[in-house]
Amino acid sequence: MLLESRSETLTLRERARRAIPGGCHTYSKGDHQFPVNAPAFIVSGQGCRVRDTEGNEFLDWGMGLRSVILGHAYPRVVEAVTAELARGSNFTRPSPIETLLAEELIDLIPCAEMVKFAKNGSDVTTAAVRLARAATGRDLVVFPREQPFYSFDDWFIGTTLLDAGVPEATKQLSLTVPYGDIDTLAALFSAHSGAVAAVIMEPATVAPPPDGYLEAVRELTRREGAVLIFDEIITGFRWNEAGAQAFYDVTPDLATFGKAIANGFSLAALVGRREIMQLGDFEGDDPRVFLLSATHGGETHAIAAARATLAELRERDVLSHVWHTGLQLQLEIEAAARDAGVAEVVSCCGYPCSPLVSFDGAGHCDRSDELRTLFLQETVARGVLMPYIAPSFSHTDSELERTAEAAAQAFRSVREVLDGAPIDAYLHGPVVKPVFPRFDTLEVDR
């Protein structure tokens, strides 16, 4: 859908706000997440380039909220989906392709002995929590408070500042601890002896886990009879083809996957130990769990996309390219920051497969949001869209060079503001805000 003018785009934006709460169906895509000059809508993508409603092209580093690991409209995936669609997409009984992908995941992922599909990460993380409660007969769930998002369901949203509509009794069943602090987690188990059903966590986000931390969490949960759940919605198929559990060599009881699993198509997976997963079966003597039962959970075209994506990851050594590209980008951005004299404020941290540009340098934390907004505004002005960084198989040296040039120019504006120039003279709109006020700039949708 191409529009003829900027005014038509603005009209469409107002229509979206009237028709859709927040103006879009994923909060991380909302206007408040981007500088005012960012594309209001994206209508197409090819590789790592996208076009907006006015035909403007942008180099894309966000890649569909980190879901597109190969590239937009990636030929092998599109061909697999097209072939499957010609046979229909949803049936009255299961399709064989559901079993084929489940078996591939069981062969690939260390903790996977059974698999259940859904359409988004929130559904599978909530299903994992329900399974853990059924398996243990306990109610409490624990997770690190710093990690930005697990689910749009009440058990998680009730712990955020956007908790309207969540019953107080539900909020009391979720407890948070600092990530990396095994002593605090152990003390929580002691304080709530025999009551903790599960610990759910992303194995890592930006910083690596402290030495021995994941292993200690694994041992503690096993000793206390709680279920350990790894949320691998982001880390899965990005840290390692078999997930962060293979990368760190720590095997949880259950794990959830999404995002990169199908290169942008809607699919998520709950995997885990048979003795827990089979509680979602209707056979057996134990109380049964109504686990996941979604009309669209077995849509064949999304499953075909996942099979093609996983095959490409294995056959083309995609993750070596992703890690190399991310590392080179980190080096380029930090070099640009040094050249502009802003290295004391700016860093490009995190794992190379999922870097983060941070403006939290010493003495400037209170300005990080406005400096980040300025950076995003100035890079968008040069055709680079990078609300966060998700290196893909489609990013090449030419994209690295273009991004480095855009960052260098953006950092010059940052330097001028740090030298005393008024920020209002540079920003063309409001400061970008995170979805959850208590969290940082990490993207937060599933």
Protein backbone atom coordinates (compact mmCIF):
# COMPACT_ATOMS: atom_id res chain seq x y z
CA MET A 1 0.00 0.00 0.00
CA LEU A 2 1.90 3.03 -1.26
CA LEU A 3 0.64 6.52 -0.49
CA GLU A 4 1.29 9.63 -2.53
CA SER A 5 2.22 12.06 0.23
CA ARG A 6 3.37 12.51 3.80
CA SER A 7 -0.02 13.97 4.67
CA GLU A 8 -1.72 10.74 3.57
CA THR A 9 0.62 8.79 5.83
CA LEU A 10 -0.24 11.06 8.76
CA THR A 11 -3.94 10.55 8.03
CA LEU A 12 -3.44 6.79 8.03
CA ARG A 13 -1.62 7.05 11.36
CA GLU A 14 -4.57 8.89 12.88
CA ARG A 15 -6.94 6.28 11.46
CA ALA A 16 -4.81 3.57 13.05
CA ARG A 17 -4.94 5.28 16.42
CA ARG A 18 -8.74 5.53 16.24
CA ALA A 19 -9.17 1.92 15.17
CA ILE A 20 -6.47 0.15 17.22
CA PRO A 21 -5.50 0.67 20.90
CA GLY A 22 -1.98 2.05 20.75
CA GLY A 23 -2.20 2.40 16.98
CA CYS A 24 -0.73 -1.06 16.31
CA HIS A 25 -1.02 -4.66 17.43
CA THR A 26 2.42 -4.92 19.03
CA TYR A 27 3.39 -2.23 21.53
CA SER A 28 7.04 -2.33 20.47
CA LYS A 29 5.96 -1.06 17.05
CA GLY A 30 4.11 1.93 18.52
CA ASP A 31 4.86 5.59 17.84
CA HIS A 32 6.23 6.14 21.34
CA GLN A 33 9.01 3.64 20.60
CA PHE A 34 10.44 5.59 17.67
CA PRO A 35 11.63 9.11 16.81
CA VAL A 36 9.11 11.24 14.98
CA ASN A 37 10.90 10.89 11.63
CA ALA A 38 10.82 7.07 11.66
CA PRO A 39 8.65 5.37 9.03
CA ALA A 40 5.07 5.35 10.28
CA PHE A 41 4.30 2.11 8.44
CA ILE A 42 6.33 -0.50 6.59
CA VAL A 43 4.74 -2.06 3.54
CA SER A 44 7.44 -4.40 2.23
CA GLY A 45 10.86 -5.87 2.89
CA GLN A 46 13.52 -7.67 0.94
CA GLY A 47 16.63 -9.04 2.61
CA CYS A 48 17.57 -6.40 5.17
CA ARG A 49 15.86 -3.49 3.41
CA VAL A 50 12.30 -2.26 4.01
CA ARG A 51 10.06 0.36 2.37
CA ASP A 52 7.48 2.63 3.94
CA THR A 53 4.14 3.85 2.62
CA GLU A 54 5.84 6.64 0.64
CA GLY A 55 8.35 4.34 -1.04
CA ASN A 56 11.31 5.37 1.11
CA GLU A 57 13.85 2.60 1.67
CA PHE A 58 15.52 1.90 5.00
CA LEU A 59 18.30 -0.42 6.06
CA ASP A 60 16.61 -2.54 8.72
CA TRP A 61 18.37 -3.81 11.84
CA GLY A 62 15.19 -4.49 13.86
CA MET A 63 14.20 -7.35 11.53
CA GLY A 64 10.63 -7.85 12.71
CA LEU A 65 11.29 -7.62 16.45
CA ARG A 66 14.25 -10.02 16.01
CA SER A 67 12.07 -12.65 14.32
CA VAL A 68 13.62 -12.47 10.83
CA ILE A 69 17.03 -14.13 11.04
CA LEU A 70 17.51 -14.98 7.36
CA GLY A 71 16.05 -11.91 5.70
CA HIS A 72 12.70 -10.47 4.67
CA ALA A 73 10.95 -12.50 1.95
CA TYR A 74 13.81 -14.99 2.07
CA PRO A 75 13.48 -17.15 -1.09
CA ARG A 76 13.78 -20.61 0.46
CA VAL A 77 11.21 -19.79 3.13
CA VAL A 78 8.82 -18.12 0.70
CA GLU A 79 9.04 -21.09 -1.65
CA ALA A 80 8.32 -23.56 1.16
CA VAL A 81 5.36 -21.51 2.37
CA THR A 82 3.97 -21.06 -1.15
CA ALA A 83 4.14 -24.78 -1.81
CA GLU A 84 2.36 -25.53 1.46
CA LEU A 85 -0.35 -22.92 0.93
CA ALA A 86 -1.27 -24.54 -2.35
CA ARG A 87 -2.31 -27.58 -0.32
CA GLY A 88 -4.38 -25.60 2.19
CA SER A 89 -3.35 -24.13 5.52
CA ASN A 90 -5.61 -25.55 8.24
CA PHE A 91 -7.50 -28.83 8.51
CA THR A 92 -9.93 -30.75 10.71
CA ARG A 93 -7.24 -33.24 11.76
CA PRO A 94 -3.47 -32.78 12.27
CA SER A 95 -1.19 -32.50 9.27
CA PRO A 96 1.90 -34.75 8.99
CA ILE A 97 4.11 -31.67 8.84
CA GLU A 98 3.35 -31.00 12.53
CA THR A 99 4.99 -34.27 13.52
CA LEU A 100 7.93 -33.74 11.17
CA LEU A 101 8.85 -30.39 12.73
CA ALA A 102 8.27 -31.68 16.27
CA GLU A 103 10.68 -34.54 15.60
CA GLU A 104 13.26 -32.14 14.19
CA LEU A 105 13.09 -30.02 17.33
CA ILE A 106 13.38 -33.10 19.55
CA ASP A 107 16.51 -34.12 17.66
CA LEU A 108 17.93 -30.61 17.90
CA ILE A 109 17.15 -29.16 21.36
CA PRO A 110 18.71 -30.80 24.46
CA CYS A 111 15.65 -30.63 26.74
CA ALA A 112 13.08 -31.48 24.06
CA GLU A 113 11.38 -34.86 24.44
CA MET A 114 7.92 -33.59 23.45
CA VAL A 115 6.77 -30.46 21.62
CA LYS A 116 3.64 -28.31 21.51
CA PHE A 117 3.12 -25.50 18.97
CA ALA A 118 1.39 -22.14 19.35
CA LYS A 119 1.41 -18.80 17.56
CA ASN A 120 3.34 -16.51 19.92
CA GLY A 121 5.76 -16.58 22.81
CA SER A 122 3.32 -15.39 25.46
CA ASP A 123 1.16 -18.44 24.95
CA VAL A 124 3.99 -20.94 25.33
CA THR A 125 5.55 -19.27 28.36
CA THR A 126 2.16 -19.22 30.09
CA ALA A 127 1.63 -22.87 29.14
CA ALA A 128 5.03 -23.70 30.63
CA VAL A 129 4.07 -22.03 33.90
CA ARG A 130 0.78 -23.93 33.99
CA LEU A 131 2.57 -27.22 33.37
CA ALA A 132 5.04 -26.48 36.16
CA ARG A 133 2.24 -25.77 38.61
CA ALA A 134 0.47 -28.97 37.64
CA ALA A 135 3.65 -31.05 37.86
CA THR A 136 4.60 -29.72 41.31
CA GLY A 137 1.23 -28.99 42.91
CA ARG A 138 2.60 -25.55 43.83
CA ASP A 139 1.53 -22.00 42.97
CA LEU A 140 4.49 -19.58 43.03
CA VAL A 141 6.53 -18.66 39.96
CA VAL A 142 9.84 -16.79 40.14
CA PHE A 143 11.72 -14.80 37.48
CA PRO A 144 14.47 -12.16 37.22
CA ARG A 145 13.12 -8.67 37.62
CA GLU A 146 15.54 -7.12 35.11
CA GLN A 147 14.45 -9.20 32.14
CA PRO A 148 11.91 -7.18 30.22
CA PHE A 149 9.13 -9.48 29.07
CA TYR A 150 7.80 -13.01 29.43
CA SER A 151 4.12 -12.87 28.56
CA PHE A 152 1.12 -10.61 28.12
CA ASP A 153 -0.74 -12.85 30.58
CA ASP A 154 -1.57 -11.90 34.16
CA TRP A 155 1.15 -13.90 35.92
CA PHE A 156 3.78 -11.61 34.38
CA ILE A 157 1.97 -8.35 33.56
CA GLY A 158 0.84 -8.14 37.18
CA THR A 159 4.46 -7.52 38.20
CA THR A 160 4.89 -4.51 35.87
CA LEU A 161 3.72 -0.93 36.11
CA LEU A 162 1.08 -1.72 33.48
CA ASP A 163 -0.84 -3.98 35.84
CA ALA A 164 -4.35 -2.55 35.51
CA GLY A 165 -6.92 -5.31 35.20
CA VAL A 166 -4.83 -7.95 36.97
CA PRO A 167 -6.39 -9.30 40.20
CA GLU A 168 -4.32 -8.66 43.31
CA ALA A 169 -4.47 -12.34 44.22
CA THR A 170 -2.82 -13.22 40.92
CA LYS A 171 -0.02 -10.70 41.49
CA GLN A 172 0.86 -12.39 44.76
CA LEU A 173 1.74 -15.63 42.96
CA SER A 174 4.67 -14.13 41.04
CA LEU A 175 7.96 -13.27 42.74
CA THR A 176 11.02 -11.56 41.30
CA VAL A 177 14.72 -11.83 42.10
CA PRO A 178 17.85 -10.16 40.72
CA TYR A 179 19.34 -12.00 37.76
CA GLY A 180 22.71 -13.51 38.58
CA ASP A 181 22.19 -13.58 42.37
CA ILE A 182 21.96 -17.23 43.37
CA ASP A 183 21.99 -16.42 47.09
CA THR A 184 18.83 -14.33 46.85
CA LEU A 185 17.13 -17.05 44.84
CA ALA A 186 18.13 -19.65 47.44
CA ALA A 187 16.81 -17.41 50.23
CA LEU A 188 13.50 -17.06 48.41
CA PHE A 189 13.17 -20.83 48.21
CA SER A 190 13.89 -21.00 51.92
CA ALA A 191 11.32 -18.32 52.73
CA HIS A 192 8.68 -20.08 50.60
CA SER A 193 9.63 -23.66 51.33
CA GLY A 194 7.70 -26.15 49.22
CA ALA A 195 5.68 -23.44 47.47
CA VAL A 196 7.72 -22.51 44.36
CA ALA A 197 6.50 -24.27 41.23
CA ALA A 198 8.94 -22.82 38.72
CA VAL A 199 11.81 -20.53 37.99
CA ILE A 200 11.50 -19.07 34.50
CA MET A 201 14.27 -16.98 32.99
CA GLU A 202 16.00 -15.97 29.83
CA PRO A 203 19.39 -17.70 30.11
CA ALA A 204 21.00 -14.35 29.22
CA THR A 205 20.10 -11.02 27.64
CA VAL A 206 22.87 -8.46 27.17
CA ALA A 207 25.50 -9.56 29.68
CA PRO A 208 26.69 -13.15 30.06
CA PRO A 209 25.49 -14.98 33.16
CA PRO A 210 27.97 -14.93 36.07
CA ASP A 211 30.26 -17.93 36.14
CA GLY A 212 28.40 -20.96 37.41
CA TYR A 213 25.10 -19.10 37.81
CA LEU A 214 22.96 -21.11 35.40
CA GLU A 215 24.44 -24.33 36.70
CA ALA A 216 23.62 -23.26 40.26
CA VAL A 217 20.04 -22.38 39.31
CA ARG A 218 19.71 -25.78 37.67
CA GLU A 219 20.98 -27.55 40.78
CA LEU A 220 18.88 -25.43 43.17
CA THR A 221 15.62 -26.00 41.30
CA ARG A 222 16.32 -29.72 41.03
CA ARG A 223 17.06 -29.94 44.76
CA GLU A 224 13.95 -27.94 45.69
CA GLY A 225 11.64 -29.88 43.37
CA ALA A 226 10.83 -26.86 41.19
CA VAL A 227 10.67 -26.78 37.41
CA LEU A 228 13.35 -24.79 35.57
CA ILE A 229 12.03 -23.06 32.44
CA PHE A 230 14.28 -21.30 29.94
CA ASP A 231 12.56 -18.58 27.94
CA GLU A 232 14.43 -18.92 24.64
CA ILE A 233 12.09 -16.78 22.57
CA ILE A 234 15.04 -14.49 21.74
CA THR A 235 18.08 -16.68 22.40
CA GLY A 236 16.74 -19.70 20.52
CA PHE A 237 18.22 -20.13 17.03
CA ARG A 238 20.34 -17.00 17.58
CA TRP A 239 22.80 -17.89 20.34
CA ASN A 240 23.01 -21.42 18.93
CA GLU A 241 20.99 -23.55 16.51
CA ALA A 242 19.95 -25.65 19.52
CA GLY A 243 19.33 -22.69 21.79
CA ALA A 244 21.15 -21.00 24.64
CA GLN A 245 20.80 -24.21 26.65
CA ALA A 246 23.26 -25.78 24.20
CA PHE A 247 25.42 -22.64 24.16
CA TYR A 248 25.78 -22.69 27.97
CA ASP A 249 25.47 -26.48 28.34
CA VAL A 250 22.70 -26.22 30.94
CA THR A 251 19.53 -28.22 30.29
CA PRO A 252 16.23 -26.94 31.74
CA ASP A 253 13.09 -28.98 32.29
CA LEU A 254 11.04 -26.91 29.84
CA ALA A 255 11.91 -24.27 27.25
CA THR A 256 10.01 -21.92 24.98
CA PHE A 257 11.00 -20.83 21.47
CA GLY A 258 9.65 -18.32 18.96
CA LYS A 259 10.85 -15.31 16.95
CA ALA A 260 13.59 -16.70 14.68
CA ILE A 261 12.09 -20.20 14.54
CA ALA A 262 10.14 -19.43 11.34
CA ASN A 263 11.91 -16.32 9.97
CA GLY A 264 9.03 -14.01 10.80
CA PHE A 265 6.09 -16.37 10.34
CA SER A 266 3.87 -16.85 13.36
CA LEU A 267 5.03 -19.90 15.27
CA ALA A 268 6.18 -20.66 18.80
CA ALA A 269 7.06 -23.88 20.53
CA LEU A 270 6.98 -25.27 24.05
CA VAL A 271 9.41 -28.16 24.46
CA GLY A 272 10.51 -30.19 27.44
CA ARG A 273 10.82 -33.38 29.43
CA ARG A 274 8.27 -36.06 28.61
CA GLU A 275 7.12 -36.63 32.19
CA ILE A 276 6.07 -32.98 32.42
CA MET A 277 4.88 -32.38 28.87
CA GLN A 278 2.67 -35.47 28.83
CA LEU A 279 0.52 -33.87 31.53
CA GLY A 280 -0.96 -32.04 28.56
CA ASP A 281 -2.12 -35.36 27.11
CA PHE A 282 -5.58 -36.73 27.82
CA GLU A 283 -4.26 -40.16 28.76
CA GLY A 284 -2.90 -41.20 32.16
CA ASP A 285 -3.98 -41.15 35.77
CA ASP A 286 -2.51 -37.80 36.86
CA PRO A 287 -4.63 -34.62 36.71
CA ARG A 288 -4.63 -33.41 33.11
CA VAL A 289 -3.49 -29.95 31.99
CA PHE A 290 -5.43 -28.11 29.31
CA LEU A 291 -2.14 -27.11 27.80
CA LEU A 292 -2.44 -25.43 24.42
CA SER A 293 -5.38 -25.85 22.07
CA ALA A 294 -5.35 -23.20 19.37
CA THR A 295 -7.17 -23.36 16.07
CA HIS A 296 -4.16 -21.91 14.31
CA GLY A 297 -1.44 -23.73 16.26
CA GLY A 298 -0.96 -26.23 13.46
CA GLU A 299 -1.19 -23.89 10.46
CA THR A 300 0.86 -25.73 7.90
CA HIS A 301 2.44 -22.76 6.13
CA ALA A 302 4.04 -21.43 9.34
CA ILE A 303 5.38 -24.89 10.12
CA ALA A 304 6.76 -25.15 6.59
CA ALA A 305 8.48 -21.80 7.15
CA ALA A 306 10.06 -23.15 10.33
CA ARG A 307 11.32 -26.31 8.63
CA ALA A 308 12.86 -24.26 5.82
CA THR A 309 14.41 -21.83 8.29
CA LEU A 310 15.97 -24.56 10.41
CA ALA A 311 17.32 -26.29 7.31
CA GLU A 312 18.90 -23.06 6.12
CA LEU A 313 20.43 -22.42 9.56
CA ARG A 314 22.09 -25.82 9.47
CA GLU A 315 23.13 -25.99 5.84
CA ARG A 316 24.39 -22.42 5.36
CA ASP A 317 26.12 -21.91 8.73
CA VAL A 318 23.89 -18.89 9.23
CA LEU A 319 24.81 -18.26 12.84
CA SER A 320 28.52 -17.89 12.08
CA HIS A 321 27.55 -15.10 9.70
CA VAL A 322 25.18 -13.55 12.25
CA TRP A 323 27.81 -13.55 15.00
CA HIS A 324 30.53 -12.22 12.68
CA THR A 325 28.28 -9.46 11.35
CA GLY A 326 27.21 -8.45 14.83
CA LEU A 327 30.81 -8.32 16.06
CA GLN A 328 31.90 -6.19 13.12
CA LEU A 329 29.01 -3.83 13.73
CA GLN A 330 29.92 -3.52 17.40
CA LEU A 331 33.50 -2.65 16.45
CA GLU A 332 32.36 -0.10 13.84
CA ILE A 333 29.92 1.63 16.20
CA GLU A 334 32.40 1.82 19.06
CA ALA A 335 35.07 3.18 16.68
CA ALA A 336 32.61 5.82 15.47
CA ALA A 337 31.84 6.72 19.09
CA ARG A 338 35.54 7.13 19.87
CA ASP A 339 36.12 9.26 16.79
CA ALA A 340 33.22 11.53 17.76
CA GLY A 341 34.42 11.79 21.34
CA VAL A 342 31.38 10.15 22.91
CA ALA A 343 32.89 6.82 23.97
CA GLU A 344 32.46 7.74 27.63
CA VAL A 345 28.68 7.73 27.05
CA VAL A 346 28.09 5.26 24.22
CA SER A 347 28.82 1.55 24.04
CA CYS A 348 27.72 -1.26 21.77
CA CYS A 349 27.52 -4.08 24.27
CA GLY A 350 25.98 -7.53 24.46
CA TYR A 351 26.55 -10.68 22.50
CA PRO A 352 27.46 -10.12 18.85
CA CYS A 353 24.38 -12.07 17.77
CA SER A 354 22.19 -9.53 19.61
CA PRO A 355 24.06 -6.26 20.31
CA LEU A 356 22.71 -3.25 22.14
CA VAL A 357 23.68 0.39 21.66
CA SER A 358 23.67 1.89 25.15
CA PHE A 359 23.81 5.53 26.23
CA ASP A 360 24.22 4.82 29.94
CA GLY A 361 27.81 5.99 30.32
CA ALA A 362 28.98 7.25 33.70
CA GLY A 363 27.40 10.55 34.66
CA HIS A 364 24.85 10.53 31.86
CA CYS A 365 22.31 7.86 32.85
CA ASP A 366 19.66 10.52 33.42
CA ARG A 367 20.01 11.59 29.78
CA SER A 368 20.10 8.15 28.19
CA ASP A 369 16.56 8.31 26.76
CA GLU A 370 17.02 11.67 25.09
CA LEU A 371 20.47 10.80 23.74
CA ARG A 372 19.15 7.51 22.39
CA THR A 373 16.26 9.35 20.75
CA LEU A 374 18.69 11.75 19.10
CA PHE A 375 20.78 8.84 17.82
CA LEU A 376 17.72 7.05 16.43
CA GLN A 377 16.45 10.24 14.83
CA GLU A 378 19.75 10.98 13.12
CA THR A 379 20.28 7.42 11.88
CA VAL A 380 16.72 7.28 10.54
CA ALA A 381 17.39 10.54 8.72
CA ARG A 382 20.20 8.69 6.94
CA GLY A 383 18.04 5.71 6.05
CA VAL A 384 19.05 3.36 8.87
CA LEU A 385 16.35 1.88 11.11
CA MET A 386 17.87 0.40 14.27
CA PRO A 387 15.65 0.62 17.37
CA TYR A 388 17.67 -2.43 18.39
CA ILE A 389 20.07 -4.69 16.50
CA ALA A 390 19.22 -8.14 15.15
CA PRO A 391 21.94 -9.18 12.67
CA SER A 392 20.61 -11.43 9.93
CA PHE A 393 22.00 -13.60 7.15
CA SER A 394 21.12 -10.79 4.72
CA HIS A 395 23.33 -8.13 6.34
CA THR A 396 26.65 -7.78 4.52
CA ASP A 397 29.74 -5.58 4.58
CA SER A 398 27.98 -2.87 2.59
CA GLU A 399 25.29 -2.57 5.26
CA LEU A 400 27.97 -2.43 7.94
CA GLU A 401 29.69 0.43 6.12
CA ARG A 402 26.48 2.38 5.64
CA THR A 403 25.49 1.93 9.28
CA ALA A 404 28.91 3.01 10.52
CA GLU A 405 28.66 6.21 8.46
CA ALA A 406 25.17 6.98 9.76
CA ALA A 407 26.26 6.31 13.36
CA ALA A 408 29.31 8.54 12.97
CA GLN A 409 27.16 11.46 11.89
CA ALA A 410 24.61 10.81 14.62
CA PHE A 411 27.35 10.74 17.26
CA ARG A 412 28.53 14.19 16.17
CA SER A 413 25.13 15.55 17.15
CA VAL A 414 25.33 13.66 20.44
CA ARG A 415 28.73 15.25 21.10
CA GLU A 416 27.34 18.73 20.47
CA VAL A 417 24.54 18.13 22.96
CA LEU A 418 27.01 16.82 25.53
CA ASP A 419 29.05 20.00 24.97
CA GLY A 420 26.08 22.10 25.99
CA ALA A 421 23.88 22.54 22.94
CA PRO A 422 20.20 22.38 23.96
CA ILE A 423 18.65 19.00 23.14
CA ASP A 424 15.42 20.71 22.09
CA ALA A 425 17.27 22.34 19.22
CA TYR A 426 18.05 18.89 17.83
CA LEU A 427 15.05 16.70 18.59
CA HIS A 428 12.12 17.05 16.22
CA GLY A 429 9.66 15.27 18.48
CA PRO A 430 9.17 13.65 21.88
CA VAL A 431 11.73 11.45 23.59
CA VAL A 432 11.40 7.73 22.87
CA LYS A 433 10.11 5.78 25.86
CA PRO A 434 10.26 2.07 26.67
CA VAL A 435 6.99 0.13 26.89
CA PHE A 436 7.51 -0.66 30.57
CA PRO A 437 8.77 2.41 32.47
CA ARG A 438 10.77 0.26 34.92
CA PHE A 439 12.70 -1.45 32.15
CA ASP A 440 15.42 -0.27 29.76
CA THR A 441 15.39 0.03 25.98
CA LEU A 442 15.23 -3.66 25.19
CA GLU A 443 12.32 -4.60 22.94
CA VAL A 444 9.54 -6.24 24.89
CA ASP A 445 7.03 -8.01 22.66
CA ARG A 446 6.51 -11.61 21.78
